[in-house]
Structures are given as C-alpha cells and as structure tokens.
Amino acid sequence: MAEAPGGLGRRLRYLANRAARLNPANVWRIAGAARSLTRKPRLLIVADMLWCSVRYEFGFQDYLDWDVVMLTAAERRTYITHPKSNHLAMTLNHPELRRIFADKLRFNARFSDFIGRDWIDLREADADAVRAFLDDHGRAMLKVPDSLSGKGIEKVEASAVTDVDAFVAEAIAERQFLLEGYIVQHPEMASLCPTSVNSLRVITYFDGETLHVLASVLKMGNGGDIDNFSNGGMYTMLDETGTAHFAAFDESGTSYATHPLTGTSIVGFRVPLYDEVVPMLERAARVVPEVPYVGWDVAITPDGPVIIEGNPNSGVYQAKPSVSGVREGLLPRYRAAIGF
C-alpha cells in the first residue's frame, strides 16, 4: 500500500517550498481568469486559492484548470492534484530506474519494441550517418534527452540542413543530442491539427499483475510543432473507448468544441485504433515494473499506436467542470487502484 499523499511533514515542506516560490503577479492573473466563473471579488478568490493550496494541495494552475472556484468543499476533496501526484511518483517509482524514463535516449533503447521509429545519438554519429538519417526520413525531431514540457524539441526538415557539421555542432551546443525519425500520425489524428503529432497521455499504475488506467487524455497542438499544454496545446478527457465527450481547453482556460485551426469537431472525436493502446501499455508496463506509476505519451500511426515517451512524474489531467459538467475529480480512482 502506498503512503497517503498528505502526511503532515510532507505537507509542511510543500507549503514552505510554495511560499518561497510564490509569484504574486501569477496568483493575481489566475484569480482574474477564475473570476469569470463567480461573483466573488478578486481578493477573495486569491484568499481561496491560498486556502486550497494549504487544505487540498491544489497548485495555482490546478485551481484555474479545474474551476476550483466553483466547487464545494466535498467536490474539491475528490481531485488528484499535482503535488499529490508528485508524492505518489516519488513514493512508488524506483529512484534509480526512473532515470530510464527521464532520459529519452535510455528510454528509446529500453523500449525499442514500442517506439516505432529510428533514432540516433548525435554525439556518437558521424556526419555521413547524420546526412543519411535525414535523407532517409525527410523530416526528423531534435530533442533534449532530459527536457520536460516539450522544451528543447524542434522539427527538422532534411532539405533545410545544408551543412551537416554545423547542424550537429549547433544541436549539441543546445543539448539536443537525440535525433528521431518523425512520427507519421494516422490521418484522423492529423485532421485535428496537422502541424503537430497529436498524442494521448495515458496515466497508468501497474500493481505487478494488473495495469490500471487512471486517466486517458487526448492532447492537440494549436499551430505549433508540439501538443504540450504548456506550449499552447489543449486537451480533453477520453472514455474507455477513446471517445472525447467534452470540449478541449488550453492553459488560459479557453475551451474549444471544434479545433480552431481545422474546424474538426473535438466533441465526439473517437481516437482511431484506440483498442490497441491499452494492450500495448500492458506489455510496456512490464519492461520496468519497478516504475509502476507512469504517464505514457502515445501516438497513433496508420499501423497502430507507438510510445513517444514515458513520464515517471506525470502531470495530472481531469475534466474541466465548466466545460464538462463533471464536478468530481479522479482521486477516488487513483486511491482504488493504488491503495492509499
């Protein structure tokens, strides 16, 4: 049984760290954004944000994402928050083996049966090998191996690389050691936003025998090269069939029933080949069972799902009440699966 994510000592450390990093301007901004859902004065919303940080461990962005301002105390208690999730990751996942997931190069090597793409380490490849890789693939992705939230990820067109030595030198200087073949996504996934690979985030817990799906999420870009929430992307929750029933929303809280770039309907969108996703993850979860709590990023190709990466300290995703009408978070599901 996992330690409950709410011990007094841990909570005090969390609050001390939060106080040290408090950004008043950001708090004021979020309070202003949340004000559209209530008649409460902005200062009262700020006070409520601080109270929710202490009482329920809501991060300030959590407060905005899940419309906490409009929830009752009983409803607030049902939400898994980023601090709670972080504690679970630190408690459940082996401290050394989690590094396999934190390093994209090590992850690709260990999970080679699941990633569905070629890759090279630019520190080990000569110029001829890099040129051949680019020409063979036409399009590729540069990545910083230990980056988070999509930072250091860049799309590369082979035709744009005229000086391979300069390309490699610049990439290494930026710590973009990993060069991957570009994932060609299923046409139905591309219909959402063609500029990015629109992926799934499937958060799972493996108890040694059974894989528990805690959350399944559809992520979409909005004109950029990646679909990350913190880089202008948006998300919506999926049901067990891979169907989205609610509008997506972005970091600002703006909701989208249809994609603003393509007009594709998000509400009612069904992820193709979704029935192959969980069986794939059931196999993948057994590769490093000592890291049981993982947020898997999954792309859907014309031939089936592939794993982009595994996150040993996954972000948290839940339905937005003002968009979905759902006023209960996923904490009960987490507790039932993990046992805390």
Foldseek 3Di string as FASTA:
>chain_A
DFDQLPDPVVLVVVVVVCVVPDDVVVLLLLLVLLCVVDVDDSVVSSVVLVVCCNPVVADSLSCNQQSVVPADPVLSNQADHLSRLQSCLVGQADPVVLVCQQFQVSVCVLPVVFAPWDKDFLVPDDLVVVLVVLVVQQKKWFAQGRDPLCPRIDIDGSVVCPDSVVVSVVSVVSNRRMIIRDAAFDVLQCLQPVQEQWWKWWKWFDPPDDIATLFIKTFDAQPHHYRGLVVRIWMATADPQQFGQWFIAGSSGDTDQGRPPNRHGNHGDHDPQSVVPVVSVVVVCVSCVSLGTWTWIWGHHPVGIGTPGINSSDHDDFHHCVTPVDSGHRNVVVCVVVPD
